[in-house]
């Protein structure tokens, strides 16, 4: 079951990294839609690390892992306390 609090925090982080409206479809690629790019990825990961008190290892610094809201939720479900 998705964690509503985690989702709210994730969406808040995304809104700080991008100035564009977030997609309605959680599966939509944030990179293909232009919402995020390779320059925004480090900012996004740093913000997620701060917000969720996690450390994203270098091997996970892959746009594919953070490509959509759904993928980020799954990643946080696995790695965040």
PDB file of N, CA and C in Angstrom:
ATOM      1  N   UNK A   1       0.835  -1.186   0.000  1.00  0.00           N
ATOM      2  CA  UNK A   1       0.000   0.000   0.000  1.00  0.00           C
ATOM      3  C   UNK A   1       0.880   1.250   0.000  1.00  0.00           C
ATOM      4  N   UNK A   2       0.617   2.197  -0.885  1.00  0.00           N
ATOM      5  CA  UNK A   2       1.436   3.408  -0.938  1.00  0.00           C
ATOM      6  C   UNK A   2       1.334   4.225   0.343  1.00  0.00           C
ATOM      7  N   UNK A   3       2.422   4.860   0.691  1.00  0.00           N
ATOM      8  CA  UNK A   3       2.493   5.687   1.882  1.00  0.00           C
ATOM      9  C   UNK A   3       2.135   7.128   1.477  1.00  0.00           C
ATOM     10  N   UNK A   4       0.977   7.616   1.941  1.00  0.00           N
ATOM     11  CA  UNK A   4       0.492   8.943   1.542  1.00  0.00           C
ATOM     12  C   UNK A   4       1.438  10.046   2.003  1.00  0.00           C
ATOM     13  N   UNK A   5       1.995   9.910   3.197  1.00  0.00           N
ATOM     14  CA  UNK A   5       2.917  10.911   3.709  1.00  0.00           C
ATOM     15  C   UNK A   5       4.190  10.958   2.863  1.00  0.00           C
ATOM     16  N   UNK A   6       4.722   9.781   2.512  1.00  0.00           N
ATOM     17  CA  UNK A   6       5.922   9.711   1.682  1.00  0.00           C
ATOM     18  C   UNK A   6       5.637  10.349   0.324  1.00  0.00           C
ATOM     19  N   UNK A   7       4.472  10.060  -0.232  1.00  0.00           N
ATOM     20  CA  UNK A   7       4.098  10.619  -1.536  1.00  0.00           C
ATOM     21  C   UNK A   7       4.011  12.146  -1.463  1.00  0.00           C
ATOM     22  N   UNK A   8       3.395  12.663  -0.425  1.00  0.00           N
ATOM     23  CA  UNK A   8       3.269  14.114  -0.258  1.00  0.00           C
ATOM     24  C   UNK A   8       4.645  14.758  -0.181  1.00  0.00           C
ATOM     25  N   UNK A   9       5.528  14.157   0.581  1.00  0.00           N
ATOM     26  CA  UNK A   9       6.896  14.680   0.719  1.00  0.00           C
ATOM     27  C   UNK A   9       7.649  14.595  -0.603  1.00  0.00           C
ATOM     28  N   UNK A  10       7.480  13.484  -1.334  1.00  0.00           N
ATOM     29  CA  UNK A  10       8.122  13.319  -2.637  1.00  0.00           C
ATOM     30  C   UNK A  10       7.650  14.402  -3.602  1.00  0.00           C
ATOM     31  N   UNK A  11       6.354  14.634  -3.670  1.00  0.00           N
ATOM     32  CA  UNK A  11       5.819  15.649  -4.584  1.00  0.00           C
ATOM     33  C   UNK A  11       6.325  17.037  -4.201  1.00  0.00           C
ATOM     34  N   UNK A  12       6.459  17.297  -2.915  1.00  0.00           N
ATOM     35  CA  UNK A  12       6.990  18.589  -2.464  1.00  0.00           C
ATOM     36  C   UNK A  12       8.439  18.755  -2.917  1.00  0.00           C
ATOM     37  N   UNK A  13       9.228  17.696  -2.818  1.00  0.00           N
ATOM     38  CA  UNK A  13      10.620  17.749  -3.274  1.00  0.00           C
ATOM     39  C   UNK A  13      10.665  18.011  -4.780  1.00  0.00           C
ATOM     40  N   UNK A  14       9.848  17.297  -5.530  1.00  0.00           N
ATOM     41  CA  UNK A  14       9.824  17.488  -6.985  1.00  0.00           C
ATOM     42  C   UNK A  14       9.467  18.929  -7.346  1.00  0.00           C
ATOM     43  N   UNK A  15       8.548  19.505  -6.614  1.00  0.00           N
ATOM     44  CA  UNK A  15       8.131  20.884  -6.901  1.00  0.00           C
ATOM     45  C   UNK A  15       9.256  21.880  -6.626  1.00  0.00           C
ATOM     46  N   UNK A  16      10.171  21.539  -5.717  1.00  0.00           N
ATOM     47  CA  UNK A  16      11.293  22.444  -5.460  1.00  0.00           C
ATOM     48  C   UNK A  16      12.358  22.328  -6.549  1.00  0.00           C
ATOM     49  N   UNK A  17      12.430  21.175  -7.216  1.00  0.00           N
ATOM     50  CA  UNK A  17      13.460  20.942  -8.226  1.00  0.00           C
ATOM     51  C   UNK A  17      13.020  21.445  -9.602  1.00  0.00           C
ATOM     52  N   UNK A  18      11.733  21.422  -9.863  1.00  0.00           N
ATOM     53  CA  UNK A  18      11.225  21.876 -11.161  1.00  0.00           C
ATOM     54  C   UNK A  18      10.166  22.945 -10.949  1.00  0.00           C
ATOM     55  N   UNK A  19      10.085  23.842 -11.880  1.00  0.00           N
ATOM     56  CA  UNK A  19       9.082  24.899 -11.767  1.00  0.00           C
ATOM     57  C   UNK A  19       7.846  24.572 -12.598  1.00  0.00           C
ATOM     58  N   UNK A  20       7.854  23.435 -13.256  1.00  0.00           N
ATOM     59  CA  UNK A  20       6.728  23.038 -14.105  1.00  0.00           C
ATOM     60  C   UNK A  20       5.723  22.214 -13.314  1.00  0.00           C
ATOM     61  N   UNK A  21       4.472  22.210 -13.766  1.00  0.00           N
ATOM     62  CA  UNK A  21       3.458  21.368 -13.103  1.00  0.00           C
ATOM     63  C   UNK A  21       3.825  19.889 -13.224  1.00  0.00           C
ATOM     64  N   UNK A  22       3.532  19.142 -12.184  1.00  0.00           N
ATOM     65  CA  UNK A  22       3.814  17.705 -12.193  1.00  0.00           C
ATOM     66  C   UNK A  22       2.742  16.978 -12.997  1.00  0.00           C
ATOM     67  N   UNK A  23       3.124  15.866 -13.648  1.00  0.00           N
ATOM     68  CA  UNK A  23       2.141  15.130 -14.461  1.00  0.00           C
ATOM     69  C   UNK A  23       1.094  14.441 -13.597  1.00  0.00           C
ATOM     70  N   UNK A  24      -0.080  14.231 -14.179  1.00  0.00           N
ATOM     71  CA  UNK A  24      -1.152  13.502 -13.491  1.00  0.00           C
ATOM     72  C   UNK A  24      -0.874  12.006 -13.473  1.00  0.00           C
ATOM     73  N   UNK A  25      -0.146  11.533 -14.480  1.00  0.00           N
ATOM     74  CA  UNK A  25       0.171  10.111 -14.612  1.00  0.00           C
ATOM     75  C   UNK A  25       1.481   9.807 -13.889  1.00  0.00           C
ATOM     76  N   UNK A  26       1.401   9.015 -12.830  1.00  0.00           N
ATOM     77  CA  UNK A  26       2.591   8.670 -12.039  1.00  0.00           C
ATOM     78  C   UNK A  26       3.628   7.891 -12.832  1.00  0.00           C
ATOM     79  N   UNK A  27       3.219   7.275 -13.943  1.00  0.00           N
ATOM     80  CA  UNK A  27       4.136   6.472 -14.756  1.00  0.00           C
ATOM     81  C   UNK A  27       4.808   7.294 -15.857  1.00  0.00           C
ATOM     82  N   UNK A  28       4.380   8.528 -16.060  1.00  0.00           N
ATOM     83  CA  UNK A  28       4.941   9.356 -17.136  1.00  0.00           C
ATOM     84  C   UNK A  28       6.411   9.645 -16.871  1.00  0.00           C
ATOM     85  N   UNK A  29       7.216   9.531 -17.930  1.00  0.00           N
ATOM     86  CA  UNK A  29       8.647   9.802 -17.806  1.00  0.00           C
ATOM     87  C   UNK A  29       8.881  11.291 -17.585  1.00  0.00           C
ATOM     88  N   UNK A  30       9.506  11.609 -16.457  1.00  0.00           N
ATOM     89  CA  UNK A  30       9.792  13.006 -16.144  1.00  0.00           C
ATOM     90  C   UNK A  30      10.938  13.541 -16.994  1.00  0.00           C
ATOM     91  N   UNK A  31      11.763  12.641 -17.517  1.00  0.00           N
ATOM     92  CA  UNK A  31      12.867  13.046 -18.384  1.00  0.00           C
ATOM     93  C   UNK A  31      12.384  13.235 -19.819  1.00  0.00           C
ATOM     94  N   UNK A  32      11.583  12.295 -20.317  1.00  0.00           N
ATOM     95  CA  UNK A  32      11.069  12.418 -21.681  1.00  0.00           C
ATOM     96  C   UNK A  32      10.130  13.609 -21.816  1.00  0.00           C
ATOM     97  N   UNK A  33       9.395  13.933 -20.746  1.00  0.00           N
ATOM     98  CA  UNK A  33       8.458  15.056 -20.797  1.00  0.00           C
ATOM     99  C   UNK A  33       9.174  16.403 -20.676  1.00  0.00           C
ATOM    100  N   UNK A  34      10.472  16.357 -20.305  1.00  0.00           N
ATOM    101  CA  UNK A  34      11.230  17.592 -20.154  1.00  0.00           C
ATOM    102  C   UNK A  34      11.126  18.208 -18.775  1.00  0.00           C
ATOM    103  N   UNK A  35      10.404  17.559 -17.889  1.00  0.00           N
ATOM    104  CA  UNK A  35      10.263  18.073 -16.528  1.00  0.00           C
ATOM    105  C   UNK A  35      11.602  18.025 -15.793  1.00  0.00           C
ATOM    106  N   UNK A  36      12.360  16.964 -16.030  1.00  0.00           N
ATOM    107  CA  UNK A  36      13.697  16.816 -15.454  1.00  0.00           C
ATOM    108  C   UNK A  36      14.691  16.580 -16.582  1.00  0.00           C
ATOM    109  N   UNK A  37      15.949  16.934 -16.323  1.00  0.00           N
ATOM    110  CA  UNK A  37      17.014  16.607 -17.258  1.00  0.00           C
ATOM    111  C   UNK A  37      18.219  16.135 -16.449  1.00  0.00           C
ATOM    112  N   UNK A  38      19.288  15.786 -17.151  1.00  0.00           N
ATOM    113  CA  UNK A  38      20.452  15.230 -16.462  1.00  0.00           C
ATOM    114  C   UNK A  38      21.066  16.234 -15.485  1.00  0.00           C
ATOM    115  N   UNK A  39      20.882  17.518 -15.730  1.00  0.00           N
ATOM    116  CA  UNK A  39      21.417  18.525 -14.810  1.00  0.00           C
ATOM    117  C   UNK A  39      20.587  18.602 -13.530  1.00  0.00           C
ATOM    118  N   UNK A  40      19.300  18.288 -13.625  1.00  0.00           N
ATOM    119  CA  UNK A  40      18.412  18.340 -12.460  1.00  0.00           C
ATOM    120  C   UNK A  40      18.533  17.091 -11.589  1.00  0.00           C
ATOM    121  N   UNK A  41      19.043  15.992 -12.159  1.00  0.00           N
ATOM    122  CA  UNK A  41      19.112  14.736 -11.409  1.00  0.00           C
ATOM    123  C   UNK A  41      19.914  14.863 -10.107  1.00  0.00           C
ATOM    124  N   UNK A  42      21.114  15.447 -10.111  1.00  0.00           N
ATOM    125  CA  UNK A  42      21.849  15.575  -8.837  1.00  0.00           C
ATOM    126  C   UNK A  42      21.096  16.424  -7.807  1.00  0.00           C
ATOM    127  N   UNK A  43      20.427  17.480  -8.256  1.00  0.00           N
ATOM    128  CA  UNK A  43      19.641  18.309  -7.347  1.00  0.00           C
ATOM    129  C   UNK A  43      18.489  17.506  -6.751  1.00  0.00           C
ATOM    130  N   UNK A  44      17.831  16.732  -7.594  1.00  0.00           N
ATOM    131  CA  UNK A  44      16.721  15.901  -7.144  1.00  0.00           C
ATOM    132  C   UNK A  44      17.193  14.887  -6.112  1.00  0.00           C
ATOM    133  N   UNK A  45      18.273  14.182  -6.434  1.00  0.00           N
ATOM    134  CA  UNK A  45      18.783  13.142  -5.530  1.00  0.00           C
ATOM    135  C   UNK A  45      19.223  13.762  -4.202  1.00  0.00           C
ATOM    136  N   UNK A  46      19.902  14.898  -4.252  1.00  0.00           N
ATOM    137  CA  UNK A  46      20.322  15.570  -3.015  1.00  0.00           C
ATOM    138  C   UNK A  46      19.112  15.964  -2.168  1.00  0.00           C
ATOM    139  N   UNK A  47      18.083  16.475  -2.817  1.00  0.00           N
ATOM    140  CA  UNK A  47      16.875  16.871  -2.097  1.00  0.00           C
ATOM    141  C   UNK A  47      16.179  15.655  -1.495  1.00  0.00           C
ATOM    142  N   UNK A  48      16.143  14.554  -2.216  1.00  0.00           N
ATOM    143  CA  UNK A  48      15.538  13.322  -1.685  1.00  0.00           C
ATOM    144  C   UNK A  48      16.342  12.799  -0.499  1.00  0.00           C
ATOM    145  N   UNK A  49      17.673  12.860  -0.605  1.00  0.00           N
ATOM    146  CA  UNK A  49      18.523  12.401   0.497  1.00  0.00           C
ATOM    147  C   UNK A  49      18.251  13.218   1.765  1.00  0.00           C
ATOM    148  N   UNK A  50      18.133  14.532   1.599  1.00  0.00           N
ATOM    149  CA  UNK A  50      17.857  15.394   2.763  1.00  0.00           C
ATOM    150  C   UNK A  50      16.477  15.122   3.343  1.00  0.00           C
ATOM    151  N   UNK A  51      15.481  15.073   2.478  1.00  0.00           N
ATOM    152  CA  UNK A  51      14.096  14.930   2.938  1.00  0.00           C
ATOM    153  C   UNK A  51      13.841  13.582   3.602  1.00  0.00           C
ATOM    154  N   UNK A  52      14.430  12.534   3.057  1.00  0.00           N
ATOM    155  CA  UNK A  52      14.126  11.178   3.537  1.00  0.00           C
ATOM    156  C   UNK A  52      15.258  10.558   4.348  1.00  0.00           C
ATOM    157  N   UNK A  53      16.289  11.328   4.649  1.00  0.00           N
ATOM    158  CA  UNK A  53      17.417  10.839   5.451  1.00  0.00           C
ATOM    159  C   UNK A  53      17.970   9.526   4.906  1.00  0.00           C
ATOM    160  N   UNK A  54      18.222   9.529   3.609  1.00  0.00           N
ATOM    161  CA  UNK A  54      18.806   8.350   2.964  1.00  0.00           C
ATOM    162  C   UNK A  54      20.082   8.782   2.257  1.00  0.00           C
ATOM    163  N   UNK A  55      20.879   7.802   1.860  1.00  0.00           N
ATOM    164  CA  UNK A  55      22.061   8.044   1.031  1.00  0.00           C
ATOM    165  C   UNK A  55      21.871   7.229  -0.237  1.00  0.00           C
ATOM    166  N   UNK A  56      21.796   7.909  -1.366  1.00  0.00           N
ATOM    167  CA  UNK A  56      21.654   7.222  -2.646  1.00  0.00           C
ATOM    168  C   UNK A  56      23.060   6.879  -3.135  1.00  0.00           C
ATOM    169  N   UNK A  57      23.386   5.591  -3.236  1.00  0.00           N
ATOM    170  CA  UNK A  57      24.731   5.215  -3.678  1.00  0.00           C
ATOM    171  C   UNK A  57      24.955   5.607  -5.136  1.00  0.00           C
ATOM    172  N   UNK A  58      26.216   5.829  -5.480  1.00  0.00           N
ATOM    173  CA  UNK A  58      26.569   6.235  -6.845  1.00  0.00           C
ATOM    174  C   UNK A  58      25.992   5.282  -7.886  1.00  0.00           C
ATOM    175  N   UNK A  59      25.950   3.996  -7.574  1.00  0.00           N
ATOM    176  CA  UNK A  59      25.445   3.028  -8.557  1.00  0.00           C
ATOM    177  C   UNK A  59      23.960   3.256  -8.874  1.00  0.00           C
ATOM    178  N   UNK A  60      23.258   3.978  -7.979  1.00  0.00           N
ATOM    179  CA  UNK A  60      21.838   4.256  -8.211  1.00  0.00           C
ATOM    180  C   UNK A  60      21.599   5.609  -8.888  1.00  0.00           C
ATOM    181  N   UNK A  61      22.669   6.347  -9.165  1.00  0.00           N
ATOM    182  CA  UNK A  61      22.514   7.649  -9.828  1.00  0.00           C
ATOM    183  C   UNK A  61      22.274   7.426 -11.318  1.00  0.00           C
ATOM    184  N   UNK A  62      21.125   6.903 -11.599  1.00  0.00           N
ATOM    185  CA  UNK A  62      20.734   6.537 -12.945  1.00  0.00           C
ATOM    186  C   UNK A  62      19.360   7.154 -13.197  1.00  0.00           C
ATOM    187  N   UNK A  63      19.225   7.955 -14.255  1.00  0.00           N
ATOM    188  CA  UNK A  63      17.920   8.584 -14.511  1.00  0.00           C
ATOM    189  C   UNK A  63      16.772   7.584 -14.555  1.00  0.00           C
ATOM    190  N   UNK A  64      17.041   6.363 -14.962  1.00  0.00           N
ATOM    191  CA  UNK A  64      15.983   5.342 -15.063  1.00  0.00           C
ATOM    192  C   UNK A  64      15.329   5.076 -13.701  1.00  0.00           C
ATOM    193  N   UNK A  65      16.106   5.119 -12.631  1.00  0.00           N
ATOM    194  CA  UNK A  65      15.563   4.864 -11.288  1.00  0.00           C
ATOM    195  C   UNK A  65      14.662   5.994 -10.814  1.00  0.00           C
ATOM    196  N   UNK A  66      14.831   7.177 -11.394  1.00  0.00           N
ATOM    197  CA  UNK A  66      14.089   8.356 -10.951  1.00  0.00           C
ATOM    198  C   UNK A  66      13.270   8.934 -12.108  1.00  0.00           C
ATOM    199  N   UNK A  67      12.885   8.061 -13.040  1.00  0.00           N
ATOM    200  CA  UNK A  67      12.249   8.473 -14.282  1.00  0.00           C
ATOM    201  C   UNK A  67      10.798   8.918 -14.120  1.00  0.00           C
ATOM    202  N   UNK A  68      10.124   8.423 -13.098  1.00  0.00           N
ATOM    203  CA  UNK A  68       8.717   8.767 -12.912  1.00  0.00           C
ATOM    204  C   UNK A  68       8.416   8.850 -11.417  1.00  0.00           C
ATOM    205  N   UNK A  69       7.288   9.434 -11.121  1.00  0.00           N
ATOM    206  CA  UNK A  69       6.867   9.521  -9.716  1.00  0.00           C
ATOM    207  C   UNK A  69       6.715   8.111  -9.151  1.00  0.00           C
ATOM    208  N   UNK A  70       6.146   7.202  -9.924  1.00  0.00           N
ATOM    209  CA  UNK A  70       5.955   5.820  -9.463  1.00  0.00           C
ATOM    210  C   UNK A  70       7.295   5.147  -9.158  1.00  0.00           C
ATOM    211  N   UNK A  71       8.299   5.347 -10.015  1.00  0.00           N
ATOM    212  CA  UNK A  71       9.620   4.737  -9.770  1.00  0.00           C
ATOM    213  C   UNK A  71      10.269   5.320  -8.517  1.00  0.00           C
ATOM    214  N   UNK A  72      10.118   6.641  -8.334  1.00  0.00           N
ATOM    215  CA  UNK A  72      10.692   7.261  -7.137  1.00  0.00           C
ATOM    216  C   UNK A  72       9.998   6.753  -5.877  1.00  0.00           C
ATOM    217  N   UNK A  73       8.681   6.593  -5.951  1.00  0.00           N
ATOM    218  CA  UNK A  73       7.950   6.058  -4.799  1.00  0.00           C
ATOM    219  C   UNK A  73       8.436   4.647  -4.466  1.00  0.00           C
ATOM    220  N   UNK A  74       8.633   3.836  -5.489  1.00  0.00           N
ATOM    221  CA  UNK A  74       9.111   2.472  -5.266  1.00  0.00           C
ATOM    222  C   UNK A  74      10.512   2.486  -4.683  1.00  0.00           C
ATOM    223  N   UNK A  75      11.367   3.358  -5.194  1.00  0.00           N
ATOM    224  CA  UNK A  75      12.736   3.454  -4.678  1.00  0.00           C
ATOM    225  C   UNK A  75      12.711   3.863  -3.200  1.00  0.00           C
ATOM    226  N   UNK A  76      11.902   4.864  -2.879  1.00  0.00           N
ATOM    227  CA  UNK A  76      11.839   5.333  -1.491  1.00  0.00           C
ATOM    228  C   UNK A  76      11.222   4.276  -0.580  1.00  0.00           C
ATOM    229  N   UNK A  77      10.254   3.539  -1.074  1.00  0.00           N
ATOM    230  CA  UNK A  77       9.632   2.475  -0.270  1.00  0.00           C
ATOM    231  C   UNK A  77      10.685   1.438   0.116  1.00  0.00           C
ATOM    232  N   UNK A  78      11.632   1.212  -0.787  1.00  0.00           N
ATOM    233  CA  UNK A  78      12.674   0.219  -0.566  1.00  0.00           C
ATOM    234  C   UNK A  78      13.819   0.750   0.307  1.00  0.00           C
ATOM    235  N   UNK A  79      14.120   2.051   0.196  1.00  0.00           N
ATOM    236  CA  UNK A  79      15.327   2.588   0.822  1.00  0.00           C
ATOM    237  C   UNK A  79      15.100   3.546   1.995  1.00  0.00           C
ATOM    238  N   UNK A  80      13.933   4.146   2.084  1.00  0.00           N
ATOM    239  CA  UNK A  80      13.675   5.112   3.154  1.00  0.00           C
ATOM    240  C   UNK A  80      13.111   4.408   4.379  1.00  0.00           C
ATOM    241  N   UNK A  81      13.449   4.949   5.521  1.00  0.00           N
ATOM    242  CA  UNK A  81      12.954   4.351   6.772  1.00  0.00           C
ATOM    243  C   UNK A  81      11.498   4.685   6.986  1.00  0.00           C
TER     244      UNK A  81
END
